[in-house]
Amino acid sequence: MTGAQEEPERPAAQAVMILLRLFRTLERVGSELTPQQYRILKLAGAGGERSAKLAERLAVAKPTLTAIADGLVAAGYARRDTEPGDRRVVRLCLTASGRAAVDRADQAYGIWLDRLLAETGQPELVLQALGLLNQAMDELRSAGRAAPGARGGEGLRRAPVAAPPRRATRGTPAPAKRAAAGTA
């Protein structure tokens, strides 16, 4: 140690780490569906949601939703239905196979969560806190109080991502190629 005291981690940073750990653990629960696929099928199963509305509720960009929905349709878990009288409106609906997959995932996630909640000794308190967070996210989304630059209306801002470095081709470093071409 260098003599400088480490600052204690802020509670918000600790909470983020816990939430990310929970999400990562959910990804490993024995389900044939990814957490994103599960969320989409759960919401679509509640009544054939319009794609634009579904993307908003899931806080994902429409292209992301489209890509995941394409996979669900290809796997036979969902189908796209057009709106009578307006072919531009497309709804994502579950198939019988999709409902069965959601039922299996419900069971797998339920078993995992029941075990985790039992370990806390206060499952009702944890569920109440999660309900409060969910309600706050709904309120932020419906009030349109997203942070500048946020997508999906959840009031969260994504950190800027640096562009990846350019790759050189055929073993020659990119700066050397530009220099050889006179464009360094």
N, C-alpha and C. Protein backbone atom coordinates (compact mmCIF):
# COMPACT_ATOMS: atom_id res chain seq x y z
N MET A 1 0.84 -1.18 0.00
CA MET A 1 0.00 0.00 0.00
C MET A 1 0.88 1.24 0.00
N THR A 2 0.46 2.30 -0.66
CA THR A 2 1.31 3.48 -0.88
C THR A 2 1.16 4.53 0.20
N GLY A 3 0.46 4.31 1.24
CA GLY A 3 0.29 5.31 2.27
C GLY A 3 -0.98 6.12 2.08
N ALA A 4 -1.48 6.20 0.87
CA ALA A 4 -2.72 6.92 0.62
C ALA A 4 -3.89 6.00 0.99
N GLN A 5 -4.79 6.52 1.75
CA GLN A 5 -5.97 5.75 2.15
C GLN A 5 -6.94 5.64 0.99
N GLU A 6 -7.46 4.45 0.76
CA GLU A 6 -8.50 4.29 -0.26
C GLU A 6 -9.80 4.85 0.28
N GLU A 7 -10.51 5.59 -0.57
CA GLU A 7 -11.81 6.11 -0.17
C GLU A 7 -12.82 4.99 -0.16
N PRO A 8 -13.73 5.00 0.80
CA PRO A 8 -14.78 3.97 0.78
C PRO A 8 -15.67 4.19 -0.45
N GLU A 9 -16.14 3.10 -0.99
CA GLU A 9 -16.98 3.18 -2.19
C GLU A 9 -18.32 3.82 -1.85
N ARG A 10 -18.79 4.68 -2.73
CA ARG A 10 -20.08 5.34 -2.52
C ARG A 10 -21.20 4.31 -2.55
N PRO A 11 -22.27 4.51 -1.80
CA PRO A 11 -23.39 3.56 -1.79
C PRO A 11 -23.98 3.31 -3.18
N ALA A 12 -24.07 4.35 -4.01
CA ALA A 12 -24.62 4.17 -5.35
C ALA A 12 -23.73 3.26 -6.18
N ALA A 13 -22.43 3.41 -6.06
CA ALA A 13 -21.50 2.55 -6.80
C ALA A 13 -21.61 1.11 -6.31
N GLN A 14 -21.77 0.94 -5.01
CA GLN A 14 -21.95 -0.41 -4.46
C GLN A 14 -23.24 -1.03 -5.00
N ALA A 15 -24.30 -0.24 -5.06
CA ALA A 15 -25.58 -0.74 -5.56
C ALA A 15 -25.47 -1.14 -7.03
N VAL A 16 -24.76 -0.34 -7.82
CA VAL A 16 -24.57 -0.68 -9.23
C VAL A 16 -23.85 -2.01 -9.35
N MET A 17 -22.82 -2.21 -8.57
CA MET A 17 -22.07 -3.46 -8.63
C MET A 17 -22.95 -4.66 -8.25
N ILE A 18 -23.80 -4.47 -7.26
CA ILE A 18 -24.72 -5.55 -6.86
C ILE A 18 -25.72 -5.84 -7.97
N LEU A 19 -26.28 -4.79 -8.57
CA LEU A 19 -27.25 -4.99 -9.65
C LEU A 19 -26.61 -5.67 -10.85
N LEU A 20 -25.40 -5.27 -11.19
CA LEU A 20 -24.71 -5.92 -12.30
C LEU A 20 -24.39 -7.38 -11.98
N ARG A 21 -24.04 -7.65 -10.74
CA ARG A 21 -23.79 -9.04 -10.33
C ARG A 21 -25.08 -9.85 -10.42
N LEU A 22 -26.19 -9.27 -9.98
CA LEU A 22 -27.48 -9.96 -10.09
C LEU A 22 -27.81 -10.27 -11.54
N PHE A 23 -27.60 -9.29 -12.42
CA PHE A 23 -27.90 -9.51 -13.83
C PHE A 23 -27.01 -10.61 -14.39
N ARG A 24 -25.74 -10.58 -14.07
CA ARG A 24 -24.80 -11.60 -14.56
C ARG A 24 -25.22 -12.98 -14.06
N THR A 25 -25.66 -13.05 -12.82
CA THR A 25 -26.11 -14.33 -12.26
C THR A 25 -27.37 -14.80 -12.97
N LEU A 26 -28.28 -13.88 -13.28
CA LEU A 26 -29.50 -14.24 -14.02
C LEU A 26 -29.16 -14.82 -15.38
N GLU A 27 -28.10 -14.30 -16.00
CA GLU A 27 -27.68 -14.83 -17.30
C GLU A 27 -27.27 -16.29 -17.21
N ARG A 28 -26.86 -16.72 -16.02
CA ARG A 28 -26.38 -18.08 -15.84
C ARG A 28 -27.45 -19.04 -15.33
N VAL A 29 -28.63 -18.52 -15.04
CA VAL A 29 -29.72 -19.40 -14.59
C VAL A 29 -30.05 -20.34 -15.74
N GLY A 30 -30.31 -21.58 -15.41
CA GLY A 30 -30.54 -22.60 -16.43
C GLY A 30 -31.84 -22.41 -17.19
N SER A 31 -31.85 -21.48 -18.11
CA SER A 31 -33.01 -21.23 -18.96
C SER A 31 -32.55 -21.22 -20.40
N GLU A 32 -33.41 -21.66 -21.30
CA GLU A 32 -33.04 -21.63 -22.72
C GLU A 32 -33.11 -20.22 -23.29
N LEU A 33 -33.68 -19.29 -22.54
CA LEU A 33 -33.82 -17.90 -22.97
C LEU A 33 -32.81 -17.02 -22.26
N THR A 34 -32.28 -16.04 -22.98
CA THR A 34 -31.44 -15.03 -22.33
C THR A 34 -32.37 -14.10 -21.55
N PRO A 35 -31.85 -13.35 -20.58
CA PRO A 35 -32.71 -12.40 -19.87
C PRO A 35 -33.42 -11.42 -20.81
N GLN A 36 -32.73 -10.95 -21.87
CA GLN A 36 -33.39 -10.03 -22.81
C GLN A 36 -34.51 -10.72 -23.57
N GLN A 37 -34.26 -11.95 -24.02
CA GLN A 37 -35.32 -12.69 -24.72
C GLN A 37 -36.51 -12.92 -23.79
N TYR A 38 -36.21 -13.26 -22.57
CA TYR A 38 -37.26 -13.50 -21.57
C TYR A 38 -38.11 -12.24 -21.36
N ARG A 39 -37.45 -11.10 -21.18
CA ARG A 39 -38.18 -9.83 -20.97
C ARG A 39 -39.09 -9.53 -22.16
N ILE A 40 -38.54 -9.70 -23.37
CA ILE A 40 -39.34 -9.41 -24.56
C ILE A 40 -40.54 -10.35 -24.65
N LEU A 41 -40.31 -11.63 -24.44
CA LEU A 41 -41.42 -12.59 -24.52
C LEU A 41 -42.44 -12.36 -23.41
N LYS A 42 -42.00 -12.02 -22.22
CA LYS A 42 -42.95 -11.74 -21.13
C LYS A 42 -43.86 -10.56 -21.49
N LEU A 43 -43.27 -9.49 -22.00
CA LEU A 43 -44.07 -8.32 -22.34
C LEU A 43 -44.94 -8.58 -23.58
N ALA A 44 -44.39 -9.27 -24.56
CA ALA A 44 -45.18 -9.59 -25.75
C ALA A 44 -46.31 -10.53 -25.39
N GLY A 45 -46.06 -11.44 -24.47
CA GLY A 45 -47.08 -12.40 -24.05
C GLY A 45 -48.22 -11.77 -23.30
N ALA A 46 -48.00 -10.57 -22.80
CA ALA A 46 -49.05 -9.88 -22.07
C ALA A 46 -50.09 -9.27 -22.99
N GLY A 47 -49.88 -9.38 -24.32
CA GLY A 47 -50.91 -8.87 -25.19
C GLY A 47 -50.46 -8.39 -26.54
N GLY A 48 -49.43 -8.93 -27.10
CA GLY A 48 -49.04 -8.55 -28.45
C GLY A 48 -48.74 -7.07 -28.56
N GLU A 49 -47.61 -6.69 -28.04
CA GLU A 49 -47.21 -5.29 -27.97
C GLU A 49 -46.67 -4.80 -29.31
N ARG A 50 -46.96 -3.54 -29.67
CA ARG A 50 -46.36 -2.93 -30.85
C ARG A 50 -44.86 -2.83 -30.63
N SER A 51 -44.10 -3.04 -31.70
CA SER A 51 -42.64 -3.06 -31.59
C SER A 51 -42.08 -1.77 -31.00
N ALA A 52 -42.55 -0.62 -31.44
CA ALA A 52 -42.04 0.66 -30.94
C ALA A 52 -42.32 0.79 -29.45
N LYS A 53 -43.52 0.44 -29.03
CA LYS A 53 -43.89 0.53 -27.61
C LYS A 53 -43.09 -0.48 -26.79
N LEU A 54 -42.89 -1.67 -27.34
CA LEU A 54 -42.12 -2.70 -26.66
C LEU A 54 -40.68 -2.24 -26.45
N ALA A 55 -40.07 -1.64 -27.46
CA ALA A 55 -38.70 -1.13 -27.34
C ALA A 55 -38.63 -0.07 -26.25
N GLU A 56 -39.62 0.81 -26.19
CA GLU A 56 -39.65 1.85 -25.16
C GLU A 56 -39.76 1.23 -23.77
N ARG A 57 -40.67 0.30 -23.60
CA ARG A 57 -40.86 -0.33 -22.28
C ARG A 57 -39.63 -1.11 -21.84
N LEU A 58 -38.89 -1.67 -22.78
CA LEU A 58 -37.70 -2.45 -22.46
C LEU A 58 -36.46 -1.58 -22.34
N ALA A 59 -36.58 -0.31 -22.70
CA ALA A 59 -35.46 0.63 -22.68
C ALA A 59 -34.33 0.15 -23.58
N VAL A 60 -34.69 -0.28 -24.79
CA VAL A 60 -33.71 -0.67 -25.80
C VAL A 60 -34.02 0.08 -27.08
N ALA A 61 -33.01 0.22 -27.91
CA ALA A 61 -33.21 0.85 -29.21
C ALA A 61 -34.01 -0.10 -30.10
N LYS A 62 -34.79 0.47 -31.04
CA LYS A 62 -35.59 -0.37 -31.94
C LYS A 62 -34.75 -1.38 -32.72
N PRO A 63 -33.56 -1.01 -33.23
CA PRO A 63 -32.76 -2.02 -33.93
C PRO A 63 -32.37 -3.19 -33.03
N THR A 64 -32.10 -2.92 -31.77
CA THR A 64 -31.77 -3.99 -30.82
C THR A 64 -32.96 -4.92 -30.65
N LEU A 65 -34.13 -4.32 -30.45
CA LEU A 65 -35.35 -5.12 -30.31
C LEU A 65 -35.60 -5.95 -31.56
N THR A 66 -35.43 -5.33 -32.72
CA THR A 66 -35.66 -6.03 -33.99
C THR A 66 -34.74 -7.23 -34.11
N ALA A 67 -33.47 -7.06 -33.77
CA ALA A 67 -32.51 -8.16 -33.87
C ALA A 67 -32.88 -9.31 -32.94
N ILE A 68 -33.25 -8.99 -31.71
CA ILE A 68 -33.64 -10.04 -30.76
C ILE A 68 -34.94 -10.69 -31.21
N ALA A 69 -35.90 -9.88 -31.66
CA ALA A 69 -37.18 -10.41 -32.13
C ALA A 69 -36.97 -11.31 -33.35
N ASP A 70 -36.06 -10.95 -34.24
CA ASP A 70 -35.76 -11.81 -35.40
C ASP A 70 -35.35 -13.20 -34.94
N GLY A 71 -34.48 -13.25 -33.93
CA GLY A 71 -34.04 -14.53 -33.39
C GLY A 71 -35.17 -15.32 -32.75
N LEU A 72 -36.06 -14.62 -32.04
CA LEU A 72 -37.20 -15.29 -31.40
C LEU A 72 -38.18 -15.83 -32.44
N VAL A 73 -38.38 -15.07 -33.52
CA VAL A 73 -39.25 -15.53 -34.61
C VAL A 73 -38.62 -16.74 -35.29
N ALA A 74 -37.32 -16.65 -35.58
CA ALA A 74 -36.62 -17.77 -36.24
C ALA A 74 -36.66 -19.04 -35.39
N ALA A 75 -36.62 -18.87 -34.05
CA ALA A 75 -36.64 -20.03 -33.15
C ALA A 75 -38.05 -20.57 -32.95
N GLY A 76 -39.05 -19.84 -33.47
CA GLY A 76 -40.43 -20.30 -33.33
C GLY A 76 -41.10 -19.89 -32.03
N TYR A 77 -40.47 -18.98 -31.27
CA TYR A 77 -41.04 -18.53 -30.00
C TYR A 77 -42.02 -17.38 -30.17
N ALA A 78 -41.92 -16.66 -31.27
CA ALA A 78 -42.77 -15.49 -31.48
C ALA A 78 -43.12 -15.39 -32.95
N ARG A 79 -44.12 -14.57 -33.22
CA ARG A 79 -44.49 -14.27 -34.60
C ARG A 79 -44.83 -12.77 -34.65
N ARG A 80 -44.74 -12.25 -35.86
CA ARG A 80 -45.10 -10.84 -36.07
C ARG A 80 -46.46 -10.80 -36.73
N ASP A 81 -47.37 -10.05 -36.13
CA ASP A 81 -48.71 -9.87 -36.69
C ASP A 81 -48.88 -8.41 -37.08
N THR A 82 -49.43 -8.18 -38.28
CA THR A 82 -49.71 -6.80 -38.69
C THR A 82 -51.07 -6.39 -38.18
N GLU A 83 -51.21 -5.12 -38.00
CA GLU A 83 -52.46 -4.54 -37.50
C GLU A 83 -53.47 -4.51 -38.64
N PRO A 84 -54.67 -5.03 -38.42
CA PRO A 84 -55.69 -4.93 -39.47
C PRO A 84 -55.93 -3.46 -39.82
N GLY A 85 -55.85 -3.14 -41.09
CA GLY A 85 -56.07 -1.77 -41.54
C GLY A 85 -54.83 -0.91 -41.58
N ASP A 86 -53.72 -1.36 -41.00
CA ASP A 86 -52.49 -0.58 -41.02
C ASP A 86 -51.30 -1.54 -40.98
N ARG A 87 -50.80 -1.90 -42.16
CA ARG A 87 -49.72 -2.88 -42.26
C ARG A 87 -48.42 -2.39 -41.67
N ARG A 88 -48.30 -1.07 -41.46
CA ARG A 88 -47.07 -0.53 -40.87
C ARG A 88 -46.93 -0.90 -39.41
N VAL A 89 -48.06 -1.15 -38.75
CA VAL A 89 -48.04 -1.50 -37.33
C VAL A 89 -47.83 -3.00 -37.20
N VAL A 90 -46.76 -3.37 -36.52
CA VAL A 90 -46.42 -4.78 -36.34
C VAL A 90 -46.39 -5.08 -34.84
N ARG A 91 -47.06 -6.15 -34.48
CA ARG A 91 -47.08 -6.59 -33.09
C ARG A 91 -46.31 -7.90 -32.96
N LEU A 92 -45.55 -8.01 -31.89
CA LEU A 92 -44.84 -9.25 -31.60
C LEU A 92 -45.72 -10.07 -30.67
N CYS A 93 -46.03 -11.29 -31.07
CA CYS A 93 -46.91 -12.17 -30.30
C CYS A 93 -46.22 -13.51 -30.05
N LEU A 94 -46.52 -14.12 -28.91
CA LEU A 94 -45.96 -15.42 -28.58
C LEU A 94 -46.65 -16.53 -29.34
N THR A 95 -45.87 -17.54 -29.67
CA THR A 95 -46.43 -18.79 -30.20
C THR A 95 -46.60 -19.73 -29.01
N ALA A 96 -47.20 -20.89 -29.26
CA ALA A 96 -47.36 -21.89 -28.19
C ALA A 96 -45.98 -22.30 -27.66
N SER A 97 -45.02 -22.45 -28.55
CA SER A 97 -43.67 -22.82 -28.15
C SER A 97 -43.02 -21.70 -27.32
N GLY A 98 -43.32 -20.45 -27.65
CA GLY A 98 -42.82 -19.32 -26.88
C GLY A 98 -43.41 -19.29 -25.48
N ARG A 99 -44.70 -19.56 -25.38
CA ARG A 99 -45.34 -19.61 -24.05
C ARG A 99 -44.72 -20.71 -23.20
N ALA A 100 -44.45 -21.85 -23.81
CA ALA A 100 -43.83 -22.96 -23.07
C ALA A 100 -42.42 -22.58 -22.60
N ALA A 101 -41.66 -21.90 -23.46
CA ALA A 101 -40.31 -21.47 -23.09
C ALA A 101 -40.37 -20.46 -21.94
N VAL A 102 -41.33 -19.55 -21.98
CA VAL A 102 -41.49 -18.57 -20.90
C VAL A 102 -41.88 -19.28 -19.60
N ASP A 103 -42.76 -20.26 -19.69
CA ASP A 103 -43.16 -21.01 -18.49
C ASP A 103 -41.95 -21.72 -17.87
N ARG A 104 -41.11 -22.33 -18.71
CA ARG A 104 -39.91 -23.00 -18.19
C ARG A 104 -38.95 -21.98 -17.57
N ALA A 105 -38.80 -20.83 -18.22
CA ALA A 105 -37.92 -19.79 -17.68
C ALA A 105 -38.49 -19.24 -16.38
N ASP A 106 -39.80 -19.03 -16.32
CA ASP A 106 -40.43 -18.58 -15.06
C ASP A 106 -40.08 -19.52 -13.92
N GLN A 107 -40.16 -20.81 -14.20
CA GLN A 107 -39.86 -21.79 -13.17
C GLN A 107 -38.39 -21.74 -12.76
N ALA A 108 -37.49 -21.69 -13.73
CA ALA A 108 -36.05 -21.65 -13.43
C ALA A 108 -35.68 -20.39 -12.65
N TYR A 109 -36.16 -19.23 -13.12
CA TYR A 109 -35.87 -17.98 -12.43
C TYR A 109 -36.52 -17.96 -11.04
N GLY A 110 -37.72 -18.51 -10.94
CA GLY A 110 -38.42 -18.55 -9.65
C GLY A 110 -37.68 -19.38 -8.63
N ILE A 111 -37.20 -20.54 -9.03
CA ILE A 111 -36.44 -21.40 -8.11
C ILE A 111 -35.19 -20.68 -7.62
N TRP A 112 -34.46 -20.06 -8.59
CA TRP A 112 -33.24 -19.34 -8.22
C TRP A 112 -33.54 -18.18 -7.27
N LEU A 113 -34.57 -17.39 -7.60
CA LEU A 113 -34.87 -16.22 -6.77
C LEU A 113 -35.39 -16.63 -5.40
N ASP A 114 -36.21 -17.67 -5.32
CA ASP A 114 -36.68 -18.14 -4.02
C ASP A 114 -35.51 -18.50 -3.10
N ARG A 115 -34.51 -19.20 -3.67
CA ARG A 115 -33.33 -19.56 -2.88
C ARG A 115 -32.57 -18.33 -2.43
N LEU A 116 -32.38 -17.38 -3.35
CA LEU A 116 -31.64 -16.17 -3.03
C LEU A 116 -32.38 -15.35 -1.96
N LEU A 117 -33.68 -15.19 -2.14
CA LEU A 117 -34.47 -14.42 -1.16
C LEU A 117 -34.46 -15.08 0.21
N ALA A 118 -34.52 -16.39 0.24
CA ALA A 118 -34.49 -17.11 1.52
C ALA A 118 -33.18 -16.82 2.26
N GLU A 119 -32.08 -16.69 1.51
CA GLU A 119 -30.78 -16.40 2.12
C GLU A 119 -30.74 -15.03 2.78
N THR A 120 -31.57 -14.09 2.32
CA THR A 120 -31.55 -12.74 2.89
C THR A 120 -32.17 -12.71 4.29
N GLY A 121 -33.06 -13.64 4.55
CA GLY A 121 -33.77 -13.62 5.83
C GLY A 121 -34.91 -12.60 5.85
N GLN A 122 -35.00 -11.77 4.82
CA GLN A 122 -36.05 -10.75 4.74
C GLN A 122 -36.58 -10.65 3.32
N PRO A 123 -37.12 -11.73 2.78
CA PRO A 123 -37.54 -11.71 1.37
C PRO A 123 -38.59 -10.64 1.06
N GLU A 124 -39.51 -10.39 1.97
CA GLU A 124 -40.55 -9.39 1.71
C GLU A 124 -39.94 -8.00 1.57
N LEU A 125 -38.96 -7.70 2.40
CA LEU A 125 -38.30 -6.39 2.36
C LEU A 125 -37.56 -6.20 1.04
N VAL A 126 -36.86 -7.24 0.59
CA VAL A 126 -36.12 -7.16 -0.68
C VAL A 126 -37.10 -6.96 -1.84
N LEU A 127 -38.17 -7.74 -1.85
CA LEU A 127 -39.16 -7.60 -2.93
C LEU A 127 -39.81 -6.23 -2.91
N GLN A 128 -40.07 -5.69 -1.72
CA GLN A 128 -40.64 -4.34 -1.62
C GLN A 128 -39.68 -3.31 -2.19
N ALA A 129 -38.39 -3.43 -1.87
CA ALA A 129 -37.39 -2.48 -2.39
C ALA A 129 -37.30 -2.59 -3.91
N LEU A 130 -37.32 -3.80 -4.45
CA LEU A 130 -37.29 -3.97 -5.91
C LEU A 130 -38.53 -3.36 -6.54
N GLY A 131 -39.68 -3.52 -5.91
CA GLY A 131 -40.91 -2.92 -6.41
C GLY A 131 -40.83 -1.40 -6.44
N LEU A 132 -40.21 -0.81 -5.41
CA LEU A 132 -40.04 0.64 -5.38
C LEU A 132 -39.14 1.12 -6.51
N LEU A 133 -38.06 0.38 -6.77
CA LEU A 133 -37.17 0.74 -7.88
C LEU A 133 -37.91 0.65 -9.21
N ASN A 134 -38.68 -0.40 -9.40
CA ASN A 134 -39.44 -0.58 -10.63
C ASN A 134 -40.43 0.57 -10.82
N GLN A 135 -41.12 0.93 -9.75
CA GLN A 135 -42.08 2.04 -9.81
C GLN A 135 -41.38 3.35 -10.16
N ALA A 136 -40.23 3.60 -9.57
CA ALA A 136 -39.49 4.84 -9.87
C ALA A 136 -39.06 4.88 -11.33
N MET A 137 -38.61 3.73 -11.87
CA MET A 137 -38.22 3.69 -13.29
C MET A 137 -39.43 3.95 -14.18
N ASP A 138 -40.59 3.39 -13.83
CA ASP A 138 -41.81 3.64 -14.60
C ASP A 138 -42.18 5.12 -14.57
N GLU A 139 -42.06 5.73 -13.41
CA GLU A 139 -42.40 7.15 -13.28
C GLU A 139 -41.45 8.03 -14.08
N LEU A 140 -40.16 7.72 -14.04
CA LEU A 140 -39.20 8.49 -14.83
C LEU A 140 -39.51 8.36 -16.32
N ARG A 141 -39.80 7.14 -16.77
CA ARG A 141 -40.08 6.92 -18.18
C ARG A 141 -41.35 7.65 -18.60
N SER A 142 -42.41 7.52 -17.81
CA SER A 142 -43.69 8.14 -18.21
C SER A 142 -43.65 9.66 -18.13
N ALA A 143 -42.82 10.20 -17.25
CA ALA A 143 -42.70 11.65 -17.14
C ALA A 143 -41.73 12.21 -18.17
N GLY A 144 -41.04 11.32 -18.90
CA GLY A 144 -40.08 11.78 -19.91
C GLY A 144 -38.90 12.49 -19.30
N ARG A 145 -38.54 12.11 -18.09
CA ARG A 145 -37.43 12.78 -17.40
C ARG A 145 -36.13 12.04 -17.60
N ALA A 146 -35.89 11.64 -18.81
CA ALA A 146 -34.63 10.95 -19.12
C ALA A 146 -33.50 11.97 -19.12
N ALA A 147 -32.34 11.53 -18.74
CA ALA A 147 -31.16 12.40 -18.77
C ALA A 147 -30.82 12.73 -20.21
N PRO A 148 -30.23 13.89 -20.47
CA PRO A 148 -29.84 14.22 -21.84
C PRO A 148 -28.97 13.11 -22.43
N GLY A 149 -29.28 12.71 -23.63
CA GLY A 149 -28.51 11.68 -24.30
C GLY A 149 -28.94 10.27 -23.96
N ALA A 150 -29.90 10.10 -23.04
CA ALA A 150 -30.34 8.76 -22.66
C ALA A 150 -31.26 8.20 -23.72
N ARG A 151 -31.26 6.89 -23.83
CA ARG A 151 -32.17 6.20 -24.74
C ARG A 151 -33.11 5.37 -23.92
N GLY A 152 -34.31 5.19 -24.40
CA GLY A 152 -35.24 4.28 -23.75
C GLY A 152 -36.00 4.91 -22.62
N GLY A 153 -35.72 6.16 -22.25
CA GLY A 153 -36.52 6.86 -21.28
C GLY A 153 -36.40 6.34 -19.86
N GLU A 154 -35.35 5.67 -19.49
CA GLU A 154 -35.23 5.17 -18.13
C GLU A 154 -34.50 6.17 -17.23
N GLY A 155 -34.17 7.35 -17.73
CA GLY A 155 -33.51 8.34 -16.91
C GLY A 155 -32.05 8.01 -16.64
N LEU A 156 -31.46 7.20 -17.47
CA LEU A 156 -30.08 6.81 -17.27
C LEU A 156 -29.24 7.29 -18.44
N ARG A 157 -28.02 7.67 -18.18
CA ARG A 157 -27.12 8.14 -19.22
C ARG A 157 -26.05 7.09 -19.44
N ARG A 158 -25.80 6.80 -20.68
CA ARG A 158 -24.73 5.86 -21.01
C ARG A 158 -23.42 6.62 -21.09
N ALA A 159 -22.37 5.98 -20.62
CA ALA A 159 -21.04 6.58 -20.72
C ALA A 159 -20.60 6.57 -22.17
N PRO A 160 -19.91 7.62 -22.61
CA PRO A 160 -19.43 7.61 -23.99
C PRO A 160 -18.44 6.48 -24.19
N VAL A 161 -18.47 5.91 -25.35
CA VAL A 161 -17.59 4.80 -25.68
C VAL A 161 -16.60 5.28 -26.72
N ALA A 162 -15.32 5.07 -26.45
CA ALA A 162 -14.30 5.47 -27.41
C ALA A 162 -14.37 4.57 -28.64
N ALA A 163 -14.06 5.14 -29.77
CA ALA A 163 -14.03 4.35 -31.00
C ALA A 163 -12.90 3.34 -30.90
N PRO A 164 -13.13 2.13 -31.39
CA PRO A 164 -12.06 1.13 -31.33
C PRO A 164 -10.92 1.53 -32.25
N PRO A 165 -9.70 1.11 -31.91
CA PRO A 165 -8.58 1.46 -32.78
C PRO A 165 -8.74 0.79 -34.14
N ARG A 166 -8.25 1.46 -35.16
CA ARG A 166 -8.34 0.89 -36.51
C ARG A 166 -7.39 -0.28 -36.61
N ARG A 167 -7.84 -1.31 -37.28
CA ARG A 167 -7.01 -2.49 -37.46
C ARG A 167 -6.18 -2.38 -38.73
N ALA A 168 -4.98 -2.84 -38.61
CA ALA A 168 -4.14 -2.91 -39.79
C ALA A 168 -4.49 -4.18 -40.55
N THR A 169 -4.26 -4.15 -41.84
CA THR A 169 -4.55 -5.34 -42.63
C THR A 169 -3.25 -5.97 -43.10
N ARG A 170 -3.26 -7.25 -43.24
CA ARG A 170 -2.14 -8.04 -43.78
C ARG A 170 -0.83 -7.78 -43.06
N GLY A 171 -0.89 -7.59 -41.75
CA GLY A 171 0.32 -7.52 -40.95
C GLY A 171 1.05 -6.19 -40.98
N THR A 172 0.62 -5.22 -41.77
CA THR A 172 1.29 -3.92 -41.82
C THR A 172 0.56 -2.97 -40.88
N PRO A 173 1.25 -2.35 -39.93
CA PRO A 173 0.59 -1.42 -39.02
C PRO A 173 -0.07 -0.28 -39.79
N ALA A 174 -1.23 0.15 -39.33
CA ALA A 174 -2.00 1.18 -40.01
C ALA A 174 -1.21 2.47 -40.22
N PRO A 175 -0.45 2.99 -39.21
CA PRO A 175 0.30 4.23 -39.45
C PRO A 175 1.32 4.07 -40.57
N ALA A 176 1.95 2.90 -40.66
CA ALA A 176 2.93 2.68 -41.72
C ALA A 176 2.26 2.70 -43.09
N LYS A 177 1.05 2.14 -43.19
CA LYS A 177 0.32 2.15 -44.47
C LYS A 177 -0.04 3.58 -44.85
N ARG A 178 -0.52 4.36 -43.86
CA ARG A 178 -0.89 5.75 -44.17
C ARG A 178 0.33 6.55 -44.59
N ALA A 179 1.46 6.33 -43.89
CA ALA A 179 2.70 7.05 -44.24
C ALA A 179 3.15 6.69 -45.65
N ALA A 180 3.04 5.41 -45.99
CA ALA A 180 3.44 4.97 -47.32
C ALA A 180 2.55 5.58 -48.37
N ALA A 181 1.30 5.81 -48.02
CA ALA A 181 0.35 6.40 -48.98
C ALA A 181 0.42 7.92 -48.95
N GLY A 182 1.23 8.47 -48.02
CA GLY A 182 1.35 9.93 -47.92
C GLY A 182 0.21 10.57 -47.18
N THR A 183 -0.49 9.81 -46.31
CA THR A 183 -1.64 10.35 -45.58
C THR A 183 -1.46 10.23 -44.08
N ALA A 184 -0.24 10.28 -43.59
CA ALA A 184 0.01 10.12 -42.16
C ALA A 184 -0.65 11.18 -41.43
